[in-house]
Amino acid sequence: MEANTTALLLDLAAQAQSAGAPDTLHALLHAGHRAWCAGLADVQTGVARESAPLSDAELARRCAAAGAGWEADMTRDEALSALAFAIWDATPAAIAYTDLEERAALHGVSLVGEETL
């Protein structure tokens, strides 16, 4: 994950704390969603690269350690996706986006029903 994604999401979340206008919150949320997706994609790429040499058993242990258990019916790619999401979801950037979403929701603002990418 790039540092600028984290900085951007932290900044957007901070801006949202002092914003109350729905249009402003919507714009912040929209920008935050794009950054969240980019951050997750960066983590997915890194996890795939780092996990490529691992055996399935080693990957299963790594998944378990991150709280993304590899269930019996999952493929390796699904396990990698679950691992990447668990890692991403625990980052300050993802947490900042959650704060941004919650602030927007307090004012009735969401991206539900919108194409954002």
C-alpha atoms as a PDB file:
ATOM      1  CA  MET A   1       0.000   0.000   0.000  1.00  0.00           C
ATOM      2  CA  GLU A   2       1.328   3.378  -0.868  1.00  0.00           C
ATOM      3  CA  ALA A   3       1.783   5.942   1.885  1.00  0.00           C
ATOM      4  CA  ASN A   4      -0.160   8.496  -0.138  1.00  0.00           C
ATOM      5  CA  THR A   5      -3.288   6.279  -0.030  1.00  0.00           C
ATOM      6  CA  THR A   6      -3.084   6.207   3.747  1.00  0.00           C
ATOM      7  CA  ALA A   7      -2.438   9.926   3.957  1.00  0.00           C
ATOM      8  CA  LEU A   8      -5.325  10.649   1.602  1.00  0.00           C
ATOM      9  CA  LEU A   9      -7.800   8.507   3.552  1.00  0.00           C
ATOM     10  CA  LEU A  10      -6.688   9.969   6.877  1.00  0.00           C
ATOM     11  CA  ASP A  11      -7.086  13.468   5.440  1.00  0.00           C
ATOM     12  CA  LEU A  12     -10.533  12.738   3.979  1.00  0.00           C
ATOM     13  CA  ALA A  13     -11.708  11.271   7.287  1.00  0.00           C
ATOM     14  CA  ALA A  14     -10.431  14.326   9.131  1.00  0.00           C
ATOM     15  CA  GLN A  15     -12.203  16.649   6.690  1.00  0.00           C
ATOM     16  CA  ALA A  16     -15.422  14.695   7.150  1.00  0.00           C
ATOM     17  CA  GLN A  17     -15.362  15.277  10.903  1.00  0.00           C
ATOM     18  CA  SER A  18     -15.895  18.995  10.362  1.00  0.00           C
ATOM     19  CA  ALA A  19     -18.240  18.649   7.397  1.00  0.00           C
ATOM     20  CA  GLY A  20     -21.985  18.498   7.652  1.00  0.00           C
ATOM     21  CA  ALA A  21     -23.181  19.403   4.194  1.00  0.00           C
ATOM     22  CA  PRO A  22     -24.383  16.319   2.325  1.00  0.00           C
ATOM     23  CA  ASP A  23     -22.725  17.419  -0.926  1.00  0.00           C
ATOM     24  CA  THR A  24     -19.378  17.846   0.802  1.00  0.00           C
ATOM     25  CA  LEU A  25     -19.663  14.515   2.584  1.00  0.00           C
ATOM     26  CA  HIS A  26     -20.669  12.802  -0.645  1.00  0.00           C
ATOM     27  CA  ALA A  27     -17.608  14.184  -2.438  1.00  0.00           C
ATOM     28  CA  LEU A  28     -15.338  13.089   0.428  1.00  0.00           C
ATOM     29  CA  LEU A  29     -16.929   9.649   0.503  1.00  0.00           C
ATOM     30  CA  HIS A  30     -16.616   9.255  -3.256  1.00  0.00           C
ATOM     31  CA  ALA A  31     -12.907  10.180  -3.175  1.00  0.00           C
ATOM     32  CA  GLY A  32     -12.416   7.927  -0.164  1.00  0.00           C
ATOM     33  CA  HIS A  33     -14.016   4.976  -1.901  1.00  0.00           C
ATOM     34  CA  ARG A  34     -11.643   5.301  -4.842  1.00  0.00           C
ATOM     35  CA  ALA A  35      -8.666   5.461  -2.462  1.00  0.00           C
ATOM     36  CA  TRP A  36      -9.992   2.490  -0.462  1.00  0.00           C
ATOM     37  CA  CYS A  37     -10.248   0.410  -3.645  1.00  0.00           C
ATOM     38  CA  ALA A  38      -6.737   1.425  -4.711  1.00  0.00           C
ATOM     39  CA  GLY A  39      -5.340   0.544  -1.287  1.00  0.00           C
ATOM     40  CA  LEU A  40      -7.007  -2.850  -1.299  1.00  0.00           C
ATOM     41  CA  ALA A  41      -5.687  -3.533  -4.806  1.00  0.00           C
ATOM     42  CA  ASP A  42      -2.158  -2.674  -3.655  1.00  0.00           C
ATOM     43  CA  VAL A  43      -2.471  -5.055  -0.709  1.00  0.00           C
ATOM     44  CA  GLN A  44      -3.880  -7.811  -2.937  1.00  0.00           C
ATOM     45  CA  THR A  45      -0.924  -7.466  -5.290  1.00  0.00           C
ATOM     46  CA  GLY A  46       1.545  -7.628  -2.419  1.00  0.00           C
ATOM     47  CA  VAL A  47      -0.143 -10.590  -0.765  1.00  0.00           C
ATOM     48  CA  ALA A  48      -0.230 -12.517  -4.044  1.00  0.00           C
ATOM     49  CA  ARG A  49       3.469 -11.823  -4.662  1.00  0.00           C
ATOM     50  CA  GLU A  50       4.533 -12.704  -1.109  1.00  0.00           C
ATOM     51  CA  SER A  51       2.372 -15.824  -0.976  1.00  0.00           C
ATOM     52  CA  ALA A  52       3.306 -17.266  -4.366  1.00  0.00           C
ATOM     53  CA  PRO A  53       6.156 -19.425  -3.018  1.00  0.00           C
ATOM     54  CA  LEU A  54       4.118 -20.683  -0.038  1.00  0.00           C
ATOM     55  CA  SER A  55       2.639 -24.157   0.052  1.00  0.00           C
ATOM     56  CA  ASP A  56      -1.084 -24.436   0.683  1.00  0.00           C
ATOM     57  CA  ALA A  57      -0.382 -25.418   4.292  1.00  0.00           C
ATOM     58  CA  GLU A  58       1.870 -22.387   4.801  1.00  0.00           C
ATOM     59  CA  LEU A  59      -0.723 -20.129   3.212  1.00  0.00           C
ATOM     60  CA  ALA A  60      -3.426 -21.633   5.433  1.00  0.00           C
ATOM     61  CA  ARG A  61      -1.306 -20.807   8.504  1.00  0.00           C
ATOM     62  CA  ARG A  62      -0.766 -17.260   7.251  1.00  0.00           C
ATOM     63  CA  CYS A  63      -4.501 -16.867   6.674  1.00  0.00           C
ATOM     64  CA  ALA A  64      -5.279 -18.163  10.161  1.00  0.00           C
ATOM     65  CA  ALA A  65      -2.762 -15.784  11.733  1.00  0.00           C
ATOM     66  CA  ALA A  66      -4.459 -12.845   9.995  1.00  0.00           C
ATOM     67  CA  GLY A  67      -7.927 -13.995  11.004  1.00  0.00           C
ATOM     68  CA  ALA A  68      -8.859 -15.043   7.481  1.00  0.00           C
ATOM     69  CA  GLY A  69      -9.294 -18.759   7.822  1.00  0.00           C
ATOM     70  CA  TRP A  70      -8.979 -20.887   4.709  1.00  0.00           C
ATOM     71  CA  GLU A  71     -12.194 -22.851   4.658  1.00  0.00           C
ATOM     72  CA  ALA A  72     -12.462 -26.291   3.071  1.00  0.00           C
ATOM     73  CA  ASP A  73     -14.437 -25.164   0.025  1.00  0.00           C
ATOM     74  CA  MET A  74     -12.208 -22.165  -0.790  1.00  0.00           C
ATOM     75  CA  THR A  75      -9.781 -22.061  -3.685  1.00  0.00           C
ATOM     76  CA  ARG A  76      -6.270 -20.741  -3.238  1.00  0.00           C
ATOM     77  CA  ASP A  77      -7.272 -17.510  -5.017  1.00  0.00           C
ATOM     78  CA  GLU A  78     -10.236 -17.071  -2.677  1.00  0.00           C
ATOM     79  CA  ALA A  79      -7.973 -17.639   0.320  1.00  0.00           C
ATOM     80  CA  LEU A  80      -5.542 -15.030  -1.021  1.00  0.00           C
ATOM     81  CA  SER A  81      -8.400 -12.557  -1.450  1.00  0.00           C
ATOM     82  CA  ALA A  82      -9.637 -13.198   2.077  1.00  0.00           C
ATOM     83  CA  LEU A  83      -6.112 -12.767   3.418  1.00  0.00           C
ATOM     84  CA  ALA A  84      -5.593  -9.522   1.526  1.00  0.00           C
ATOM     85  CA  PHE A  85      -8.896  -8.141   2.778  1.00  0.00           C
ATOM     86  CA  ALA A  86      -8.114  -9.088   6.389  1.00  0.00           C
ATOM     87  CA  ILE A  87      -4.723  -7.405   6.156  1.00  0.00           C
ATOM     88  CA  TRP A  88      -6.155  -4.301   4.451  1.00  0.00           C
ATOM     89  CA  ASP A  89      -9.108  -4.028   6.833  1.00  0.00           C
ATOM     90  CA  ALA A  90      -6.723  -3.686   9.799  1.00  0.00           C
ATOM     91  CA  THR A  91      -4.723  -0.789   8.300  1.00  0.00           C
ATOM     92  CA  PRO A  92      -5.081   2.804   9.454  1.00  0.00           C
ATOM     93  CA  ALA A  93      -6.195   3.699   5.921  1.00  0.00           C
ATOM     94  CA  ALA A  94      -9.110   1.259   5.934  1.00  0.00           C
ATOM     95  CA  ILE A  95     -10.069   2.285   9.462  1.00  0.00           C
ATOM     96  CA  ALA A  96     -10.062   5.935   8.372  1.00  0.00           C
ATOM     97  CA  TYR A  97     -12.390   5.079   5.493  1.00  0.00           C
ATOM     98  CA  THR A  98     -14.746   3.333   7.919  1.00  0.00           C
ATOM     99  CA  ASP A  99     -14.783   6.508  10.021  1.00  0.00           C
ATOM    100  CA  LEU A 100     -15.531   8.532   6.895  1.00  0.00           C
ATOM    101  CA  GLU A 101     -18.403   6.192   5.965  1.00  0.00           C
ATOM    102  CA  GLU A 102     -19.842   6.414   9.465  1.00  0.00           C
ATOM    103  CA  ARG A 103     -19.666  10.203   9.504  1.00  0.00           C
ATOM    104  CA  ALA A 104     -21.375  10.404   6.120  1.00  0.00           C
ATOM    105  CA  ALA A 105     -24.047   7.942   7.230  1.00  0.00           C
ATOM    106  CA  LEU A 106     -24.868  10.164  10.217  1.00  0.00           C
ATOM    107  CA  HIS A 107     -25.933  12.754   7.644  1.00  0.00           C
ATOM    108  CA  GLY A 108     -27.775  10.288   5.413  1.00  0.00           C
ATOM    109  CA  VAL A 109     -25.008  10.148   2.811  1.00  0.00           C
ATOM    110  CA  SER A 110     -23.897   6.908   1.183  1.00  0.00           C
ATOM    111  CA  LEU A 111     -22.723   5.518  -2.131  1.00  0.00           C
ATOM    112  CA  VAL A 112     -25.321   2.741  -2.214  1.00  0.00           C
ATOM    113  CA  GLY A 113     -26.844   2.495  -5.661  1.00  0.00           C
ATOM    114  CA  GLU A 114     -24.083   4.490  -7.305  1.00  0.00           C
ATOM    115  CA  GLU A 115     -21.388   3.311  -9.641  1.00  0.00           C
ATOM    116  CA  THR A 116     -18.263   4.717  -8.030  1.00  0.00           C
ATOM    117  CA  LEU A 117     -15.475   3.315 -10.159  1.00  0.00           C
END
